[in-house]
């Protein structure tokens, strides 16, 4: 099993990993808070959330299996060499587990808050059913030969494809509405930061080991970071350039007089103390 060549790079690797975890994990809370304050999920793509749950679940299966399973790790070393480090860190497992719970909670908010005319599309439902049906078939294929590394790589590929698919409905919804209202700004700013931190983390590992095996040994994490960065840049362009938020000014408070009787005390008070003018 490989070890670190530089203590400084090892510390940097771990720090970047937890920064990525913090950004990607905290990035889910602005949307939850926004939904709670508005008591509405209008403007949030339901397809985005449903596809996200499938994506995050697939990523959790990959990360947890490669990090905890000695059988999967053995097959990884047999394929890429015993001198290579496992390209999944504890922060990857923590992030994906947290993401599954957070996405499930957003789905709960969708069920209880004002939805307007929005609903989950039949296309999104069909994609989810097809993905999990295909995954089930792959499990039965892998069982006789114990091809565990091949199997979890299937789940890693699923999460990459679902990353592309899940962002598209939200970008399209923003385009149709010509607005990003209802889609939290903080979510994709933190998502962008998390993508940069995770890509930098893998680069640090490659520099320390003088090998880029961890990149194509965990191509899913690489593509996840790059795809997230790309779509977050799209959302930023929509927010700040194409569809800047235009909030209506708050009108000054108005005094509404319900009846004439409410005005009489004021008139009497004025007559009791007439204005005097000095020359």
C-alpha atoms as a PDB file:
ATOM      1  CA  UNK A   1       0.000   0.000   0.000  1.00  0.00           C
ATOM      2  CA  UNK A   2       1.331   3.440  -0.938  1.00  0.00           C
ATOM      3  CA  UNK A   3       2.153   6.130   1.610  1.00  0.00           C
ATOM      4  CA  UNK A   4       2.564   9.883   1.454  1.00  0.00           C
ATOM      5  CA  UNK A   5       5.929  11.281   0.392  1.00  0.00           C
ATOM      6  CA  UNK A   6       5.288  14.765   1.806  1.00  0.00           C
ATOM      7  CA  UNK A   7       3.633  15.577   5.113  1.00  0.00           C
ATOM      8  CA  UNK A   8       2.812  19.077   3.866  1.00  0.00           C
ATOM      9  CA  UNK A   9       1.024  17.715   0.790  1.00  0.00           C
ATOM     10  CA  UNK A  10      -0.829  15.164   2.923  1.00  0.00           C
ATOM     11  CA  UNK A  11      -2.093  17.939   5.198  1.00  0.00           C
ATOM     12  CA  UNK A  12      -3.043  20.046   2.170  1.00  0.00           C
ATOM     13  CA  UNK A  13      -4.887  17.052   0.678  1.00  0.00           C
ATOM     14  CA  UNK A  14      -6.938  16.541   3.829  1.00  0.00           C
ATOM     15  CA  UNK A  15      -7.665  20.243   4.289  1.00  0.00           C
ATOM     16  CA  UNK A  16      -8.847  20.595   0.679  1.00  0.00           C
ATOM     17  CA  UNK A  17     -10.987  17.502   1.089  1.00  0.00           C
ATOM     18  CA  UNK A  18     -12.800  18.887   4.118  1.00  0.00           C
ATOM     19  CA  UNK A  19     -13.147  22.292   2.481  1.00  0.00           C
ATOM     20  CA  UNK A  20     -14.835  20.542  -0.440  1.00  0.00           C
ATOM     21  CA  UNK A  21     -17.013  18.593   1.995  1.00  0.00           C
ATOM     22  CA  UNK A  22     -18.011  21.788   3.817  1.00  0.00           C
ATOM     23  CA  UNK A  23     -18.826  23.692   0.619  1.00  0.00           C
ATOM     24  CA  UNK A  24     -20.794  20.873  -1.008  1.00  0.00           C
ATOM     25  CA  UNK A  25     -22.599  19.957   2.211  1.00  0.00           C
ATOM     26  CA  UNK A  26     -23.396  23.475   3.423  1.00  0.00           C
ATOM     27  CA  UNK A  27     -24.369  24.320  -0.166  1.00  0.00           C
ATOM     28  CA  UNK A  28     -27.589  22.376   0.290  1.00  0.00           C
ATOM     29  CA  UNK A  29     -28.810  24.446   3.236  1.00  0.00           C
ATOM     30  CA  UNK A  30     -29.486  27.797   1.501  1.00  0.00           C
ATOM     31  CA  UNK A  31     -32.103  26.098  -0.681  1.00  0.00           C
ATOM     32  CA  UNK A  32     -33.687  24.397   2.340  1.00  0.00           C
ATOM     33  CA  UNK A  33     -33.790  27.708   4.223  1.00  0.00           C
ATOM     34  CA  UNK A  34     -35.164  29.561   1.200  1.00  0.00           C
ATOM     35  CA  UNK A  35     -37.941  26.978   0.814  1.00  0.00           C
ATOM     36  CA  UNK A  36     -38.761  27.259   4.517  1.00  0.00           C
ATOM     37  CA  UNK A  37     -38.917  31.075   4.506  1.00  0.00           C
ATOM     38  CA  UNK A  38     -41.053  31.245   1.375  1.00  0.00           C
ATOM     39  CA  UNK A  39     -43.154  28.201   2.322  1.00  0.00           C
ATOM     40  CA  UNK A  40     -42.917  27.542  -1.396  1.00  0.00           C
ATOM     41  CA  UNK A  41     -40.768  25.524  -3.814  1.00  0.00           C
ATOM     42  CA  UNK A  42     -41.868  27.421  -6.927  1.00  0.00           C
ATOM     43  CA  UNK A  43     -38.798  28.075  -9.057  1.00  0.00           C
ATOM     44  CA  UNK A  44     -36.988  24.935  -7.893  1.00  0.00           C
ATOM     45  CA  UNK A  45     -36.961  22.195 -10.525  1.00  0.00           C
ATOM     46  CA  UNK A  46     -38.492  19.005  -9.129  1.00  0.00           C
ATOM     47  CA  UNK A  47     -36.683  16.990 -11.786  1.00  0.00           C
ATOM     48  CA  UNK A  48     -33.418  18.480 -10.513  1.00  0.00           C
ATOM     49  CA  UNK A  49     -34.113  17.222  -6.982  1.00  0.00           C
ATOM     50  CA  UNK A  50     -35.333  13.758  -8.000  1.00  0.00           C
ATOM     51  CA  UNK A  51     -32.386  13.178 -10.324  1.00  0.00           C
ATOM     52  CA  UNK A  52     -30.057  14.504  -7.621  1.00  0.00           C
ATOM     53  CA  UNK A  53     -31.257  11.821  -5.216  1.00  0.00           C
ATOM     54  CA  UNK A  54     -30.403   9.105  -7.738  1.00  0.00           C
ATOM     55  CA  UNK A  55     -27.026  10.712  -8.401  1.00  0.00           C
ATOM     56  CA  UNK A  56     -26.104  11.101  -4.727  1.00  0.00           C
ATOM     57  CA  UNK A  57     -27.235   7.564  -3.878  1.00  0.00           C
ATOM     58  CA  UNK A  58     -25.059   6.121  -6.656  1.00  0.00           C
ATOM     59  CA  UNK A  59     -22.096   8.184  -5.501  1.00  0.00           C
ATOM     60  CA  UNK A  60     -22.554   7.003  -1.908  1.00  0.00           C
ATOM     61  CA  UNK A  61     -22.535   3.365  -3.024  1.00  0.00           C
ATOM     62  CA  UNK A  62     -19.267   3.926  -4.932  1.00  0.00           C
ATOM     63  CA  UNK A  63     -17.485   5.887  -2.194  1.00  0.00           C
ATOM     64  CA  UNK A  64     -18.532   3.675   0.715  1.00  0.00           C
ATOM     65  CA  UNK A  65     -17.679   0.469  -1.161  1.00  0.00           C
ATOM     66  CA  UNK A  66     -14.205   1.596  -2.255  1.00  0.00           C
ATOM     67  CA  UNK A  67     -13.374   3.139   1.125  1.00  0.00           C
ATOM     68  CA  UNK A  68     -14.619   0.365   3.435  1.00  0.00           C
ATOM     69  CA  UNK A  69     -14.536  -2.891   1.422  1.00  0.00           C
ATOM     70  CA  UNK A  70     -11.216  -4.756   1.486  1.00  0.00           C
ATOM     71  CA  UNK A  71     -12.412  -6.947  -1.416  1.00  0.00           C
ATOM     72  CA  UNK A  72     -13.009  -3.913  -3.629  1.00  0.00           C
ATOM     73  CA  UNK A  73      -9.689  -2.364  -2.583  1.00  0.00           C
ATOM     74  CA  UNK A  74      -7.868  -5.590  -3.460  1.00  0.00           C
ATOM     75  CA  UNK A  75      -9.370  -5.557  -6.961  1.00  0.00           C
ATOM     76  CA  UNK A  76      -8.404  -1.888  -7.310  1.00  0.00           C
ATOM     77  CA  UNK A  77      -4.754  -2.639  -6.500  1.00  0.00           C
ATOM     78  CA  UNK A  78      -4.776  -5.619  -8.838  1.00  0.00           C
ATOM     79  CA  UNK A  79      -5.889  -3.339 -11.671  1.00  0.00           C
ATOM     80  CA  UNK A  80      -3.898  -0.170 -10.984  1.00  0.00           C
ATOM     81  CA  UNK A  81      -0.945  -1.473  -8.956  1.00  0.00           C
ATOM     82  CA  UNK A  82      -0.347  -2.161  -5.271  1.00  0.00           C
ATOM     83  CA  UNK A  83       1.677   1.038  -4.988  1.00  0.00           C
ATOM     84  CA  UNK A  84      -1.330   3.260  -5.652  1.00  0.00           C
ATOM     85  CA  UNK A  85      -3.397   4.985  -2.983  1.00  0.00           C
ATOM     86  CA  UNK A  86      -7.149   4.483  -2.821  1.00  0.00           C
ATOM     87  CA  UNK A  87      -8.590   7.622  -4.497  1.00  0.00           C
ATOM     88  CA  UNK A  88     -11.520   7.940  -2.081  1.00  0.00           C
ATOM     89  CA  UNK A  89     -11.096   9.854   1.178  1.00  0.00           C
ATOM     90  CA  UNK A  90     -13.296   9.858   4.265  1.00  0.00           C
ATOM     91  CA  UNK A  91     -14.605  13.303   3.297  1.00  0.00           C
ATOM     92  CA  UNK A  92     -15.992  11.796   0.060  1.00  0.00           C
ATOM     93  CA  UNK A  93     -17.988   9.237   2.050  1.00  0.00           C
ATOM     94  CA  UNK A  94     -19.180  11.877   4.523  1.00  0.00           C
ATOM     95  CA  UNK A  95     -20.271  14.231   1.736  1.00  0.00           C
ATOM     96  CA  UNK A  96     -22.225  11.655  -0.242  1.00  0.00           C
ATOM     97  CA  UNK A  97     -24.008  10.343   2.878  1.00  0.00           C
ATOM     98  CA  UNK A  98     -24.958  13.878   3.913  1.00  0.00           C
ATOM     99  CA  UNK A  99     -26.063  14.717   0.357  1.00  0.00           C
ATOM    100  CA  UNK A 100     -28.481  11.774   0.243  1.00  0.00           C
ATOM    101  CA  UNK A 101     -30.141  12.898   3.492  1.00  0.00           C
ATOM    102  CA  UNK A 102     -30.270  16.546   2.421  1.00  0.00           C
ATOM    103  CA  UNK A 103     -31.789  15.767  -0.984  1.00  0.00           C
ATOM    104  CA  UNK A 104     -34.384  13.510   0.621  1.00  0.00           C
ATOM    105  CA  UNK A 105     -35.346  16.373   2.955  1.00  0.00           C
ATOM    106  CA  UNK A 106     -35.798  18.758   0.005  1.00  0.00           C
ATOM    107  CA  UNK A 107     -38.138  16.191  -1.555  1.00  0.00           C
ATOM    108  CA  UNK A 108     -40.091  16.273   1.707  1.00  0.00           C
ATOM    109  CA  UNK A 109     -40.328  20.071   1.413  1.00  0.00           C
ATOM    110  CA  UNK A 110     -41.632  19.683  -2.129  1.00  0.00           C
ATOM    111  CA  UNK A 111     -44.379  17.457  -0.759  1.00  0.00           C
ATOM    112  CA  UNK A 112     -45.560  19.914   1.916  1.00  0.00           C
ATOM    113  CA  UNK A 113     -44.960  23.409   0.470  1.00  0.00           C
ATOM    114  CA  UNK A 114     -46.662  25.450  -2.245  1.00  0.00           C
ATOM    115  CA  UNK A 115     -45.765  23.966  -5.628  1.00  0.00           C
ATOM    116  CA  UNK A 116     -47.794  26.049  -8.034  1.00  0.00           C
ATOM    117  CA  UNK A 117     -48.256  24.207 -11.316  1.00  0.00           C
ATOM    118  CA  UNK A 118     -44.857  22.509 -11.153  1.00  0.00           C
ATOM    119  CA  UNK A 119     -44.557  18.736 -11.025  1.00  0.00           C
ATOM    120  CA  UNK A 120     -42.068  15.968 -11.743  1.00  0.00           C
ATOM    121  CA  UNK A 121     -41.895  15.224 -15.454  1.00  0.00           C
ATOM    122  CA  UNK A 122     -42.549  11.785 -16.882  1.00  0.00           C
ATOM    123  CA  UNK A 123     -39.118  11.917 -18.524  1.00  0.00           C
ATOM    124  CA  UNK A 124     -37.392  12.305 -15.146  1.00  0.00           C
ATOM    125  CA  UNK A 125     -39.402   9.422 -13.679  1.00  0.00           C
ATOM    126  CA  UNK A 126     -38.541   7.247 -16.686  1.00  0.00           C
ATOM    127  CA  UNK A 127     -34.828   8.069 -16.337  1.00  0.00           C
ATOM    128  CA  UNK A 128     -34.805   7.145 -12.644  1.00  0.00           C
ATOM    129  CA  UNK A 129     -36.641   3.860 -13.264  1.00  0.00           C
ATOM    130  CA  UNK A 130     -34.321   2.984 -16.155  1.00  0.00           C
ATOM    131  CA  UNK A 131     -31.183   3.782 -14.141  1.00  0.00           C
ATOM    132  CA  UNK A 132     -32.093   1.668 -11.137  1.00  0.00           C
ATOM    133  CA  UNK A 133     -33.372  -1.163 -13.318  1.00  0.00           C
ATOM    134  CA  UNK A 134     -30.069  -1.188 -15.183  1.00  0.00           C
ATOM    135  CA  UNK A 135     -28.150  -1.085 -11.898  1.00  0.00           C
ATOM    136  CA  UNK A 136     -30.094  -4.095 -10.628  1.00  0.00           C
ATOM    137  CA  UNK A 137     -29.184  -6.038 -13.770  1.00  0.00           C
ATOM    138  CA  UNK A 138     -25.499  -5.155 -13.263  1.00  0.00           C
ATOM    139  CA  UNK A 139     -25.645  -6.489  -9.693  1.00  0.00           C
ATOM    140  CA  UNK A 140     -26.846  -9.879 -10.930  1.00  0.00           C
ATOM    141  CA  UNK A 141     -24.151  -9.885 -13.634  1.00  0.00           C
ATOM    142  CA  UNK A 142     -21.400  -9.167 -11.087  1.00  0.00           C
ATOM    143  CA  UNK A 143     -22.494 -11.748  -8.520  1.00  0.00           C
ATOM    144  CA  UNK A 144     -21.173 -14.962 -10.175  1.00  0.00           C
ATOM    145  CA  UNK A 145     -17.671 -13.567 -10.813  1.00  0.00           C
ATOM    146  CA  UNK A 146     -17.498 -11.215  -7.807  1.00  0.00           C
ATOM    147  CA  UNK A 147     -16.604  -8.335 -10.101  1.00  0.00           C
ATOM    148  CA  UNK A 148     -17.078  -5.759  -7.360  1.00  0.00           C
ATOM    149  CA  UNK A 149     -14.750  -3.098  -8.750  1.00  0.00           C
ATOM    150  CA  UNK A 150     -16.516  -3.288 -12.112  1.00  0.00           C
ATOM    151  CA  UNK A 151     -19.873  -2.988 -10.353  1.00  0.00           C
ATOM    152  CA  UNK A 152     -19.044   0.082  -8.265  1.00  0.00           C
ATOM    153  CA  UNK A 153     -17.516   1.698 -11.352  1.00  0.00           C
ATOM    154  CA  UNK A 154     -20.950   1.298 -12.930  1.00  0.00           C
ATOM    155  CA  UNK A 155     -22.417   3.278 -10.045  1.00  0.00           C
ATOM    156  CA  UNK A 156     -19.647   5.838 -10.449  1.00  0.00           C
ATOM    157  CA  UNK A 157     -20.545   6.183 -14.126  1.00  0.00           C
ATOM    158  CA  UNK A 158     -24.211   6.539 -13.184  1.00  0.00           C
ATOM    159  CA  UNK A 159     -23.450   9.438 -10.856  1.00  0.00           C
ATOM    160  CA  UNK A 160     -21.453  11.205 -13.571  1.00  0.00           C
ATOM    161  CA  UNK A 161     -24.270  10.860 -16.100  1.00  0.00           C
ATOM    162  CA  UNK A 162     -26.856  11.895 -13.534  1.00  0.00           C
ATOM    163  CA  UNK A 163     -24.781  14.958 -12.647  1.00  0.00           C
ATOM    164  CA  UNK A 164     -25.144  16.186 -16.225  1.00  0.00           C
ATOM    165  CA  UNK A 165     -28.805  15.226 -16.385  1.00  0.00           C
ATOM    166  CA  UNK A 166     -29.771  16.709 -12.994  1.00  0.00           C
ATOM    167  CA  UNK A 167     -28.411  20.198 -13.675  1.00  0.00           C
ATOM    168  CA  UNK A 168     -30.065  20.517 -17.086  1.00  0.00           C
ATOM    169  CA  UNK A 169     -33.705  20.843 -15.883  1.00  0.00           C
ATOM    170  CA  UNK A 170     -32.820  23.702 -13.513  1.00  0.00           C
ATOM    171  CA  UNK A 171     -30.869  25.575 -16.189  1.00  0.00           C
ATOM    172  CA  UNK A 172     -33.780  25.064 -18.611  1.00  0.00           C
ATOM    173  CA  UNK A 173     -36.362  26.186 -16.015  1.00  0.00           C
ATOM    174  CA  UNK A 174     -34.368  29.386 -15.413  1.00  0.00           C
ATOM    175  CA  UNK A 175     -34.318  29.950 -19.193  1.00  0.00           C
ATOM    176  CA  UNK A 176     -38.077  29.418 -19.567  1.00  0.00           C
ATOM    177  CA  UNK A 177     -38.954  31.655 -16.600  1.00  0.00           C
ATOM    178  CA  UNK A 178     -36.252  34.208 -17.518  1.00  0.00           C
ATOM    179  CA  UNK A 179     -35.542  34.285 -13.801  1.00  0.00           C
ATOM    180  CA  UNK A 180     -33.478  32.522 -11.128  1.00  0.00           C
ATOM    181  CA  UNK A 181     -35.843  33.517  -8.283  1.00  0.00           C
ATOM    182  CA  UNK A 182     -36.586  30.488  -6.115  1.00  0.00           C
ATOM    183  CA  UNK A 183     -33.207  28.876  -6.850  1.00  0.00           C
ATOM    184  CA  UNK A 184     -30.783  29.773  -4.067  1.00  0.00           C
ATOM    185  CA  UNK A 185     -27.711  31.793  -5.043  1.00  0.00           C
ATOM    186  CA  UNK A 186     -25.744  30.405  -2.101  1.00  0.00           C
ATOM    187  CA  UNK A 187     -26.298  26.822  -3.253  1.00  0.00           C
ATOM    188  CA  UNK A 188     -24.453  27.082  -6.527  1.00  0.00           C
ATOM    189  CA  UNK A 189     -21.761  29.438  -5.232  1.00  0.00           C
ATOM    190  CA  UNK A 190     -20.847  26.866  -2.580  1.00  0.00           C
ATOM    191  CA  UNK A 191     -21.235  24.062  -5.114  1.00  0.00           C
ATOM    192  CA  UNK A 192     -18.713  25.834  -7.346  1.00  0.00           C
ATOM    193  CA  UNK A 193     -16.252  26.203  -4.456  1.00  0.00           C
ATOM    194  CA  UNK A 194     -16.645  22.534  -3.566  1.00  0.00           C
ATOM    195  CA  UNK A 195     -15.927  21.457  -7.135  1.00  0.00           C
ATOM    196  CA  UNK A 196     -12.737  23.528  -7.238  1.00  0.00           C
ATOM    197  CA  UNK A 197     -11.574  22.199  -3.846  1.00  0.00           C
ATOM    198  CA  UNK A 198     -12.160  18.552  -4.791  1.00  0.00           C
ATOM    199  CA  UNK A 199     -10.338  18.890  -8.109  1.00  0.00           C
ATOM    200  CA  UNK A 200      -7.441  20.586  -6.308  1.00  0.00           C
ATOM    201  CA  UNK A 201      -7.404  17.752  -3.752  1.00  0.00           C
ATOM    202  CA  UNK A 202      -6.885  15.126  -6.459  1.00  0.00           C
ATOM    203  CA  UNK A 203      -4.172  17.257  -8.068  1.00  0.00           C
ATOM    204  CA  UNK A 204      -2.281  17.387  -4.754  1.00  0.00           C
ATOM    205  CA  UNK A 205      -2.424  13.582  -4.496  1.00  0.00           C
ATOM    206  CA  UNK A 206      -1.121  13.223  -8.054  1.00  0.00           C
ATOM    207  CA  UNK A 207       1.783  15.596  -7.335  1.00  0.00           C
ATOM    208  CA  UNK A 208       2.767  13.743  -4.161  1.00  0.00           C
ATOM    209  CA  UNK A 209       2.652  10.306  -5.789  1.00  0.00           C
ATOM    210  CA  UNK A 210       4.141  11.580  -9.058  1.00  0.00           C
ATOM    211  CA  UNK A 211       1.350   9.671 -10.782  1.00  0.00           C
ATOM    212  CA  UNK A 212      -1.969  10.567 -12.354  1.00  0.00           C
ATOM    213  CA  UNK A 213      -3.447   7.111 -11.752  1.00  0.00           C
ATOM    214  CA  UNK A 214      -5.831   8.489  -9.120  1.00  0.00           C
ATOM    215  CA  UNK A 215      -7.417  10.643 -11.829  1.00  0.00           C
ATOM    216  CA  UNK A 216      -8.431   7.809 -14.132  1.00  0.00           C
ATOM    217  CA  UNK A 217      -8.779   5.434 -11.164  1.00  0.00           C
ATOM    218  CA  UNK A 218     -11.580   7.708  -9.921  1.00  0.00           C
ATOM    219  CA  UNK A 219     -12.620   9.455 -13.115  1.00  0.00           C
ATOM    220  CA  UNK A 220     -16.075   9.894 -11.644  1.00  0.00           C
ATOM    221  CA  UNK A 221     -14.840  12.354  -9.016  1.00  0.00           C
ATOM    222  CA  UNK A 222     -12.847  14.271 -11.633  1.00  0.00           C
ATOM    223  CA  UNK A 223     -15.819  14.587 -13.973  1.00  0.00           C
ATOM    224  CA  UNK A 224     -18.140  15.384 -11.061  1.00  0.00           C
ATOM    225  CA  UNK A 225     -15.965  18.356 -10.108  1.00  0.00           C
ATOM    226  CA  UNK A 226     -15.604  19.623 -13.679  1.00  0.00           C
ATOM    227  CA  UNK A 227     -19.301  19.233 -14.536  1.00  0.00           C
ATOM    228  CA  UNK A 228     -20.347  20.964 -11.308  1.00  0.00           C
ATOM    229  CA  UNK A 229     -18.003  23.870 -12.027  1.00  0.00           C
ATOM    230  CA  UNK A 230     -19.336  24.200 -15.576  1.00  0.00           C
ATOM    231  CA  UNK A 231     -23.015  24.278 -14.630  1.00  0.00           C
ATOM    232  CA  UNK A 232     -22.405  26.569 -11.660  1.00  0.00           C
ATOM    233  CA  UNK A 233     -20.796  29.027 -14.072  1.00  0.00           C
ATOM    234  CA  UNK A 234     -23.924  28.727 -16.243  1.00  0.00           C
ATOM    235  CA  UNK A 235     -26.123  29.490 -13.216  1.00  0.00           C
ATOM    236  CA  UNK A 236     -23.939  32.486 -12.339  1.00  0.00           C
ATOM    237  CA  UNK A 237     -24.312  33.852 -15.866  1.00  0.00           C
ATOM    238  CA  UNK A 238     -28.077  33.406 -15.656  1.00  0.00           C
ATOM    239  CA  UNK A 239     -28.222  35.078 -12.249  1.00  0.00           C
ATOM    240  CA  UNK A 240     -25.960  38.067 -12.816  1.00  0.00           C
ATOM    241  CA  UNK A 241     -25.958  38.622 -16.595  1.00  0.00           C
ATOM    242  CA  UNK A 242     -29.021  37.160 -18.297  1.00  0.00           C
ATOM    243  CA  UNK A 243     -31.781  37.302 -15.682  1.00  0.00           C
ATOM    244  CA  UNK A 244     -30.737  39.624 -12.830  1.00  0.00           C
ATOM    245  CA  UNK A 245     -33.212  39.645  -9.967  1.00  0.00           C
ATOM    246  CA  UNK A 246     -35.581  42.636 -10.089  1.00  0.00           C
ATOM    247  CA  UNK A 247     -37.361  43.129  -6.792  1.00  0.00           C
ATOM    248  CA  UNK A 248     -40.243  45.589  -6.699  1.00  0.00           C
ATOM    249  CA  UNK A 249     -39.709  48.585  -4.385  1.00  0.00           C
ATOM    250  CA  UNK A 250     -41.537  48.462  -1.078  1.00  0.00           C
ATOM    251  CA  UNK A 251     -44.394  51.041  -1.166  1.00  0.00           C
ATOM    252  CA  UNK A 252     -44.611  53.572   1.713  1.00  0.00           C
ATOM    253  CA  UNK A 253     -47.107  52.712   4.426  1.00  0.00           C
ATOM    254  CA  UNK A 254     -50.577  54.139   3.918  1.00  0.00           C
ATOM    255  CA  UNK A 255     -53.113  55.157   6.552  1.00  0.00           C
ATOM    256  CA  UNK A 256     -56.516  53.801   5.744  1.00  0.00           C
ATOM    257  CA  UNK A 257     -59.472  55.565   7.358  1.00  0.00           C
ATOM    258  CA  UNK A 258     -62.360  53.168   7.709  1.00  0.00           C
ATOM    259  CA  UNK A 259     -65.065  55.653   8.679  1.00  0.00           C
ATOM    260  CA  UNK A 260     -65.710  59.299   9.398  1.00  0.00           C
ATOM    261  CA  UNK A 261     -66.029  58.781  13.164  1.00  0.00           C
ATOM    262  CA  UNK A 262     -62.349  57.836  13.433  1.00  0.00           C
ATOM    263  CA  UNK A 263     -61.472  61.275  12.038  1.00  0.00           C
ATOM    264  CA  UNK A 264     -63.662  63.340  14.405  1.00  0.00           C
ATOM    265  CA  UNK A 265     -61.338  63.280  17.481  1.00  0.00           C
ATOM    266  CA  UNK A 266     -58.538  64.630  15.322  1.00  0.00           C
ATOM    267  CA  UNK A 267     -60.733  67.457  14.000  1.00  0.00           C
ATOM    268  CA  UNK A 268     -61.904  68.346  17.489  1.00  0.00           C
ATOM    269  CA  UNK A 269     -58.343  68.379  18.790  1.00  0.00           C
ATOM    270  CA  UNK A 270     -57.333  70.792  16.039  1.00  0.00           C
ATOM    271  CA  UNK A 271     -60.248  73.147  16.760  1.00  0.00           C
ATOM    272  CA  UNK A 272     -59.424  73.238  20.472  1.00  0.00           C
ATOM    273  CA  UNK A 273     -55.900  74.483  19.743  1.00  0.00           C
ATOM    274  CA  UNK A 274     -56.083  76.852  16.783  1.00  0.00           C
ATOM    275  CA  UNK A 275     -52.895  77.877  15.093  1.00  0.00           C
ATOM    276  CA  UNK A 276     -51.658  81.329  16.079  1.00  0.00           C
ATOM    277  CA  UNK A 277     -49.593  83.578  13.909  1.00  0.00           C
ATOM    278  CA  UNK A 278     -47.261  86.211  15.220  1.00  0.00           C
ATOM    279  CA  UNK A 279     -46.344  89.191  13.102  1.00  0.00           C
END
